[in-house]
Amino acid sequence: MKKLLSIALFMFLSMSIYSQNSSVYASIDRNCNSAPATLNIANGHTASGFIIASLEAGNNCHSGARFTDKGFVIKNSSGNIVFQYTINSKGQKHQPYGEISKLTLGAGIYYVYVDGGNGASLQLKFNM
């Protein structure tokens, strides 16, 4: 029993060491320049447990009107969309690639772009 408990404790601690909480931040500045986040997942690792910590709509770059819809996309290094999330003013979510809570990204480089005009921002948290 002690041996089994020791093995279980070792496995838990090993997983805790290798699984770390991470976050990325993407935004659009006041001059409407996009500042995407880079997500670099090393070989042999995955990113999962994604949570939207904050998502703010921006203002239209030409009229200054506030956007009511907000969202973001994640693209792989080839520029292909691997995840998309939009939420409208009524709280209706559109996730055509699946739910964010089930998103898992394998090794590679990904870019996270927030949608909207100036002032739009996103903080995305995940485990790696």
N, C-alpha and C. Protein backbone atom coordinates (compact mmCIF):
# COMPACT_ATOMS: atom_id res chain seq x y z
N MET A 1 0.81 -1.19 0.00
CA MET A 1 0.00 0.00 0.00
C MET A 1 0.86 1.26 0.00
N LYS A 2 1.96 1.25 0.82
CA LYS A 2 2.85 2.40 0.87
C LYS A 2 3.50 2.62 -0.50
N LYS A 3 3.87 1.51 -1.15
CA LYS A 3 4.52 1.61 -2.45
C LYS A 3 3.56 2.21 -3.48
N LEU A 4 2.31 1.78 -3.46
CA LEU A 4 1.30 2.29 -4.38
C LEU A 4 1.06 3.78 -4.13
N LEU A 5 0.99 4.17 -2.87
CA LEU A 5 0.81 5.57 -2.52
C LEU A 5 2.01 6.40 -2.96
N SER A 6 3.20 5.87 -2.80
CA SER A 6 4.41 6.57 -3.22
C SER A 6 4.43 6.78 -4.73
N ILE A 7 4.03 5.77 -5.47
CA ILE A 7 3.98 5.87 -6.93
C ILE A 7 2.95 6.91 -7.36
N ALA A 8 1.78 6.90 -6.73
CA ALA A 8 0.74 7.86 -7.07
C ALA A 8 1.21 9.29 -6.76
N LEU A 9 1.87 9.49 -5.63
CA LEU A 9 2.38 10.80 -5.27
C LEU A 9 3.44 11.27 -6.25
N PHE A 10 4.33 10.37 -6.64
CA PHE A 10 5.37 10.70 -7.61
C PHE A 10 4.77 11.12 -8.94
N MET A 11 3.75 10.39 -9.41
CA MET A 11 3.11 10.72 -10.68
C MET A 11 2.41 12.08 -10.60
N PHE A 12 1.75 12.35 -9.50
CA PHE A 12 1.07 13.64 -9.32
C PHE A 12 2.08 14.78 -9.34
N LEU A 13 3.18 14.64 -8.61
CA LEU A 13 4.19 15.69 -8.56
C LEU A 13 4.86 15.86 -9.92
N SER A 14 5.09 14.78 -10.63
CA SER A 14 5.69 14.85 -11.96
C SER A 14 4.78 15.61 -12.91
N MET A 15 3.50 15.33 -12.87
CA MET A 15 2.56 16.02 -13.74
C MET A 15 2.48 17.49 -13.36
N SER A 16 2.55 17.80 -12.09
CA SER A 16 2.48 19.19 -11.64
C SER A 16 3.68 19.99 -12.12
N ILE A 17 4.84 19.36 -12.14
CA ILE A 17 6.05 20.02 -12.58
C ILE A 17 5.97 20.35 -14.07
N TYR A 18 5.49 19.40 -14.86
CA TYR A 18 5.46 19.58 -16.30
C TYR A 18 4.26 20.37 -16.79
N SER A 19 3.20 20.44 -16.03
CA SER A 19 2.01 21.19 -16.42
C SER A 19 2.07 22.56 -15.75
N GLN A 20 2.22 23.58 -16.57
CA GLN A 20 2.29 24.92 -16.00
C GLN A 20 1.22 25.80 -16.60
N ASN A 21 0.74 26.72 -15.80
CA ASN A 21 -0.25 27.68 -16.27
C ASN A 21 0.47 28.74 -17.07
N SER A 22 -0.08 29.06 -18.22
CA SER A 22 0.50 30.07 -19.09
C SER A 22 -0.61 30.98 -19.58
N SER A 23 -0.23 32.11 -20.14
CA SER A 23 -1.22 32.99 -20.74
C SER A 23 -0.56 33.79 -21.86
N VAL A 24 -1.41 34.25 -22.78
CA VAL A 24 -0.96 35.13 -23.86
C VAL A 24 -1.91 36.31 -23.92
N TYR A 25 -1.42 37.42 -24.47
CA TYR A 25 -2.19 38.65 -24.56
C TYR A 25 -2.09 39.17 -25.99
N ALA A 26 -3.24 39.39 -26.62
CA ALA A 26 -3.30 39.96 -27.96
C ALA A 26 -4.12 41.24 -27.90
N SER A 27 -3.79 42.20 -28.75
CA SER A 27 -4.52 43.47 -28.70
C SER A 27 -4.46 44.18 -30.05
N ILE A 28 -5.20 45.26 -30.11
CA ILE A 28 -5.15 46.19 -31.23
C ILE A 28 -4.95 47.57 -30.61
N ASP A 29 -3.90 48.27 -31.03
CA ASP A 29 -3.57 49.55 -30.38
C ASP A 29 -4.45 50.69 -30.90
N ARG A 30 -4.26 51.87 -30.36
CA ARG A 30 -5.11 53.02 -30.69
C ARG A 30 -4.96 53.48 -32.14
N ASN A 31 -3.88 53.04 -32.80
CA ASN A 31 -3.68 53.35 -34.22
C ASN A 31 -4.18 52.22 -35.12
N CYS A 32 -4.90 51.27 -34.52
CA CYS A 32 -5.49 50.12 -35.22
C CYS A 32 -4.46 49.13 -35.75
N ASN A 33 -3.30 49.07 -35.09
CA ASN A 33 -2.29 48.07 -35.43
C ASN A 33 -2.51 46.84 -34.57
N SER A 34 -2.59 45.71 -35.23
CA SER A 34 -2.79 44.45 -34.52
C SER A 34 -1.49 44.00 -33.86
N ALA A 35 -1.59 43.55 -32.63
CA ALA A 35 -0.45 43.00 -31.89
C ALA A 35 -0.82 41.58 -31.47
N PRO A 36 -0.66 40.62 -32.41
CA PRO A 36 -1.03 39.24 -32.08
C PRO A 36 -0.08 38.63 -31.05
N ALA A 37 -0.57 37.64 -30.35
CA ALA A 37 0.24 36.89 -29.39
C ALA A 37 0.83 35.68 -30.11
N THR A 38 2.01 35.27 -29.70
CA THR A 38 2.64 34.07 -30.24
C THR A 38 2.60 32.99 -29.18
N LEU A 39 2.14 31.83 -29.59
CA LEU A 39 2.04 30.68 -28.71
C LEU A 39 2.99 29.62 -29.26
N ASN A 40 4.08 29.35 -28.56
CA ASN A 40 5.10 28.41 -29.02
C ASN A 40 5.04 27.16 -28.14
N ILE A 41 4.59 26.07 -28.72
CA ILE A 41 4.45 24.81 -27.97
C ILE A 41 5.57 23.88 -28.39
N ALA A 42 6.41 23.51 -27.45
CA ALA A 42 7.59 22.69 -27.72
C ALA A 42 7.20 21.27 -28.12
N ASN A 43 8.11 20.63 -28.84
CA ASN A 43 7.91 19.23 -29.22
C ASN A 43 7.66 18.38 -27.98
N GLY A 44 6.70 17.48 -28.10
CA GLY A 44 6.36 16.60 -27.00
C GLY A 44 5.38 17.20 -26.00
N HIS A 45 4.96 18.43 -26.23
CA HIS A 45 4.03 19.10 -25.32
C HIS A 45 2.73 19.44 -26.04
N THR A 46 1.71 19.72 -25.26
CA THR A 46 0.44 20.21 -25.80
C THR A 46 -0.04 21.34 -24.91
N ALA A 47 -0.93 22.14 -25.46
CA ALA A 47 -1.59 23.19 -24.69
C ALA A 47 -3.07 22.84 -24.63
N SER A 48 -3.66 22.93 -23.45
CA SER A 48 -5.08 22.59 -23.27
C SER A 48 -5.61 23.39 -22.08
N GLY A 49 -6.88 23.16 -21.75
CA GLY A 49 -7.48 23.86 -20.61
C GLY A 49 -7.61 25.35 -20.86
N PHE A 50 -7.91 25.72 -22.09
CA PHE A 50 -8.00 27.14 -22.46
C PHE A 50 -9.18 27.82 -21.76
N ILE A 51 -8.92 29.02 -21.27
CA ILE A 51 -9.93 29.85 -20.62
C ILE A 51 -9.74 31.29 -21.10
N ILE A 52 -10.83 31.94 -21.43
CA ILE A 52 -10.77 33.36 -21.79
C ILE A 52 -10.78 34.15 -20.49
N ALA A 53 -9.64 34.72 -20.14
CA ALA A 53 -9.54 35.52 -18.91
C ALA A 53 -10.18 36.89 -19.11
N SER A 54 -9.99 37.47 -20.28
CA SER A 54 -10.64 38.73 -20.62
C SER A 54 -10.71 38.87 -22.14
N LEU A 55 -11.81 39.43 -22.61
CA LEU A 55 -12.02 39.69 -24.02
C LEU A 55 -12.79 41.00 -24.14
N GLU A 56 -12.14 42.01 -24.69
CA GLU A 56 -12.75 43.34 -24.79
C GLU A 56 -12.93 43.72 -26.26
N ALA A 57 -14.10 44.25 -26.58
CA ALA A 57 -14.36 44.76 -27.93
C ALA A 57 -13.67 46.11 -28.07
N GLY A 58 -13.30 46.43 -29.28
CA GLY A 58 -12.67 47.73 -29.53
C GLY A 58 -13.64 48.70 -30.19
N ASN A 59 -13.09 49.77 -30.70
CA ASN A 59 -13.86 50.80 -31.40
C ASN A 59 -13.51 50.77 -32.88
N ASN A 60 -14.49 51.06 -33.70
CA ASN A 60 -14.29 51.13 -35.14
C ASN A 60 -13.19 52.15 -35.44
N CYS A 61 -12.23 51.77 -36.26
CA CYS A 61 -11.07 52.63 -36.54
C CYS A 61 -11.44 53.88 -37.34
N HIS A 62 -12.57 53.86 -38.03
CA HIS A 62 -12.96 55.01 -38.86
C HIS A 62 -14.01 55.88 -38.17
N SER A 63 -15.05 55.26 -37.63
CA SER A 63 -16.14 56.04 -37.04
C SER A 63 -15.98 56.25 -35.53
N GLY A 64 -15.20 55.40 -34.89
CA GLY A 64 -15.04 55.47 -33.44
C GLY A 64 -16.14 54.78 -32.67
N ALA A 65 -17.14 54.24 -33.38
CA ALA A 65 -18.26 53.55 -32.71
C ALA A 65 -17.76 52.28 -32.03
N ARG A 66 -18.33 51.98 -30.90
CA ARG A 66 -17.96 50.78 -30.13
C ARG A 66 -18.55 49.54 -30.79
N PHE A 67 -17.72 48.50 -30.95
CA PHE A 67 -18.20 47.22 -31.46
C PHE A 67 -18.94 46.50 -30.34
N THR A 68 -20.00 45.79 -30.69
CA THR A 68 -20.73 45.01 -29.70
C THR A 68 -20.35 43.54 -29.78
N ASP A 69 -19.91 43.07 -30.94
CA ASP A 69 -19.42 41.70 -31.07
C ASP A 69 -17.93 41.70 -30.78
N LYS A 70 -17.45 40.59 -30.26
CA LYS A 70 -16.01 40.47 -29.99
C LYS A 70 -15.59 39.04 -30.24
N GLY A 71 -14.30 38.86 -30.50
CA GLY A 71 -13.84 37.51 -30.77
C GLY A 71 -12.36 37.46 -31.05
N PHE A 72 -11.92 36.27 -31.43
CA PHE A 72 -10.51 36.06 -31.75
C PHE A 72 -10.35 34.80 -32.59
N VAL A 73 -9.18 34.69 -33.21
CA VAL A 73 -8.83 33.48 -33.96
C VAL A 73 -7.43 33.05 -33.55
N ILE A 74 -7.19 31.75 -33.69
CA ILE A 74 -5.85 31.19 -33.52
C ILE A 74 -5.48 30.58 -34.86
N LYS A 75 -4.31 30.97 -35.37
CA LYS A 75 -3.82 30.45 -36.65
C LYS A 75 -2.52 29.69 -36.42
N ASN A 76 -2.31 28.66 -37.24
CA ASN A 76 -1.04 27.94 -37.17
C ASN A 76 0.02 28.70 -37.97
N SER A 77 1.24 28.19 -38.00
CA SER A 77 2.33 28.90 -38.67
C SER A 77 2.13 29.00 -40.18
N SER A 78 1.24 28.20 -40.75
CA SER A 78 0.92 28.29 -42.17
C SER A 78 -0.16 29.33 -42.46
N GLY A 79 -0.73 29.91 -41.41
CA GLY A 79 -1.76 30.92 -41.57
C GLY A 79 -3.17 30.36 -41.59
N ASN A 80 -3.32 29.06 -41.37
CA ASN A 80 -4.65 28.44 -41.34
C ASN A 80 -5.30 28.61 -39.98
N ILE A 81 -6.58 28.93 -39.98
CA ILE A 81 -7.32 29.07 -38.72
C ILE A 81 -7.51 27.69 -38.11
N VAL A 82 -7.13 27.55 -36.83
CA VAL A 82 -7.33 26.29 -36.11
C VAL A 82 -8.40 26.43 -35.02
N PHE A 83 -8.71 27.70 -34.69
CA PHE A 83 -9.77 27.95 -33.72
C PHE A 83 -10.33 29.34 -33.95
N GLN A 84 -11.65 29.47 -33.76
CA GLN A 84 -12.32 30.77 -33.91
C GLN A 84 -13.39 30.88 -32.84
N TYR A 85 -13.48 32.08 -32.26
CA TYR A 85 -14.46 32.33 -31.20
C TYR A 85 -15.05 33.72 -31.41
N THR A 86 -16.37 33.80 -31.40
CA THR A 86 -17.07 35.08 -31.49
C THR A 86 -18.23 35.05 -30.51
N ILE A 87 -18.47 36.17 -29.87
CA ILE A 87 -19.63 36.32 -28.99
C ILE A 87 -20.30 37.64 -29.35
N ASN A 88 -21.62 37.60 -29.54
CA ASN A 88 -22.33 38.82 -29.92
C ASN A 88 -22.89 39.54 -28.69
N SER A 89 -23.56 40.63 -28.93
CA SER A 89 -24.07 41.46 -27.83
C SER A 89 -25.13 40.75 -27.00
N LYS A 90 -25.74 39.70 -27.55
CA LYS A 90 -26.75 38.92 -26.82
C LYS A 90 -26.13 37.77 -26.04
N GLY A 91 -24.80 37.63 -26.12
CA GLY A 91 -24.12 36.56 -25.41
C GLY A 91 -24.08 35.24 -26.16
N GLN A 92 -24.50 35.25 -27.43
CA GLN A 92 -24.49 34.02 -28.24
C GLN A 92 -23.07 33.78 -28.76
N LYS A 93 -22.56 32.59 -28.49
CA LYS A 93 -21.20 32.22 -28.89
C LYS A 93 -21.22 31.45 -30.20
N HIS A 94 -20.20 31.71 -31.01
CA HIS A 94 -20.00 30.98 -32.26
C HIS A 94 -18.59 30.41 -32.20
N GLN A 95 -18.51 29.07 -32.17
CA GLN A 95 -17.23 28.37 -32.09
C GLN A 95 -17.23 27.25 -33.13
N PRO A 96 -17.01 27.59 -34.41
CA PRO A 96 -17.14 26.60 -35.48
C PRO A 96 -16.11 25.47 -35.43
N TYR A 97 -15.03 25.65 -34.70
CA TYR A 97 -14.00 24.60 -34.61
C TYR A 97 -14.11 23.80 -33.31
N GLY A 98 -15.18 23.99 -32.56
CA GLY A 98 -15.37 23.31 -31.29
C GLY A 98 -15.27 24.27 -30.13
N GLU A 99 -15.63 23.78 -28.96
CA GLU A 99 -15.62 24.61 -27.75
C GLU A 99 -14.20 24.88 -27.27
N ILE A 100 -14.00 26.08 -26.77
CA ILE A 100 -12.67 26.47 -26.30
C ILE A 100 -12.19 25.57 -25.16
N SER A 101 -13.10 25.13 -24.33
CA SER A 101 -12.71 24.27 -23.20
C SER A 101 -12.16 22.92 -23.66
N LYS A 102 -12.46 22.54 -24.89
CA LYS A 102 -11.98 21.26 -25.42
C LYS A 102 -10.81 21.42 -26.38
N LEU A 103 -10.36 22.65 -26.59
CA LEU A 103 -9.26 22.91 -27.51
C LEU A 103 -7.95 22.34 -26.98
N THR A 104 -7.25 21.62 -27.83
CA THR A 104 -5.91 21.12 -27.53
C THR A 104 -5.03 21.42 -28.73
N LEU A 105 -3.90 22.06 -28.48
CA LEU A 105 -2.96 22.38 -29.55
C LEU A 105 -1.68 21.58 -29.35
N GLY A 106 -1.23 20.96 -30.41
CA GLY A 106 0.01 20.19 -30.37
C GLY A 106 1.22 21.08 -30.60
N ALA A 107 2.37 20.45 -30.66
CA ALA A 107 3.62 21.18 -30.85
C ALA A 107 3.57 22.05 -32.10
N GLY A 108 4.11 23.25 -31.99
CA GLY A 108 4.17 24.17 -33.12
C GLY A 108 4.07 25.61 -32.66
N ILE A 109 4.04 26.50 -33.65
CA ILE A 109 3.91 27.92 -33.38
C ILE A 109 2.54 28.36 -33.86
N TYR A 110 1.84 29.08 -33.00
CA TYR A 110 0.49 29.57 -33.29
C TYR A 110 0.45 31.07 -33.02
N TYR A 111 -0.47 31.74 -33.71
CA TYR A 111 -0.64 33.18 -33.55
C TYR A 111 -2.09 33.45 -33.15
N VAL A 112 -2.27 34.27 -32.14
CA VAL A 112 -3.60 34.60 -31.61
C VAL A 112 -3.90 36.05 -31.96
N TYR A 113 -4.99 36.25 -32.73
CA TYR A 113 -5.41 37.58 -33.17
C TYR A 113 -6.76 37.91 -32.55
N VAL A 114 -6.86 39.06 -31.91
CA VAL A 114 -8.15 39.51 -31.40
C VAL A 114 -8.85 40.28 -32.51
N ASP A 115 -10.17 40.14 -32.60
CA ASP A 115 -10.97 40.86 -33.60
C ASP A 115 -11.41 42.20 -33.04
N GLY A 116 -11.64 43.14 -33.92
CA GLY A 116 -12.19 44.43 -33.50
C GLY A 116 -11.29 45.57 -33.87
N GLY A 117 -11.63 46.72 -33.41
CA GLY A 117 -10.87 47.93 -33.71
C GLY A 117 -9.95 48.30 -32.56
N ASN A 118 -9.59 49.57 -32.54
CA ASN A 118 -8.63 50.00 -31.52
C ASN A 118 -9.18 49.78 -30.12
N GLY A 119 -8.31 49.31 -29.26
CA GLY A 119 -8.70 49.02 -27.88
C GLY A 119 -9.16 47.59 -27.64
N ALA A 120 -9.29 46.80 -28.70
CA ALA A 120 -9.68 45.40 -28.52
C ALA A 120 -8.54 44.64 -27.85
N SER A 121 -8.87 43.72 -26.96
CA SER A 121 -7.83 42.95 -26.27
C SER A 121 -8.35 41.58 -25.84
N LEU A 122 -7.41 40.68 -25.66
CA LEU A 122 -7.71 39.31 -25.23
C LEU A 122 -6.59 38.82 -24.34
N GLN A 123 -6.97 38.22 -23.22
CA GLN A 123 -6.02 37.44 -22.42
C GLN A 123 -6.56 36.03 -22.37
N LEU A 124 -5.74 35.11 -22.85
CA LEU A 124 -6.11 33.70 -22.94
C LEU A 124 -5.18 32.91 -22.03
N LYS A 125 -5.78 32.14 -21.10
CA LYS A 125 -5.00 31.31 -20.19
C LYS A 125 -5.14 29.85 -20.60
N PHE A 126 -4.10 29.05 -20.31
CA PHE A 126 -4.09 27.64 -20.69
C PHE A 126 -3.02 26.91 -19.90
N ASN A 127 -3.05 25.60 -20.00
CA ASN A 127 -2.04 24.74 -19.35
C ASN A 127 -1.14 24.16 -20.43
N MET A 128 0.13 24.07 -20.11
CA MET A 128 1.08 23.50 -21.06
C MET A 128 1.95 22.49 -20.34
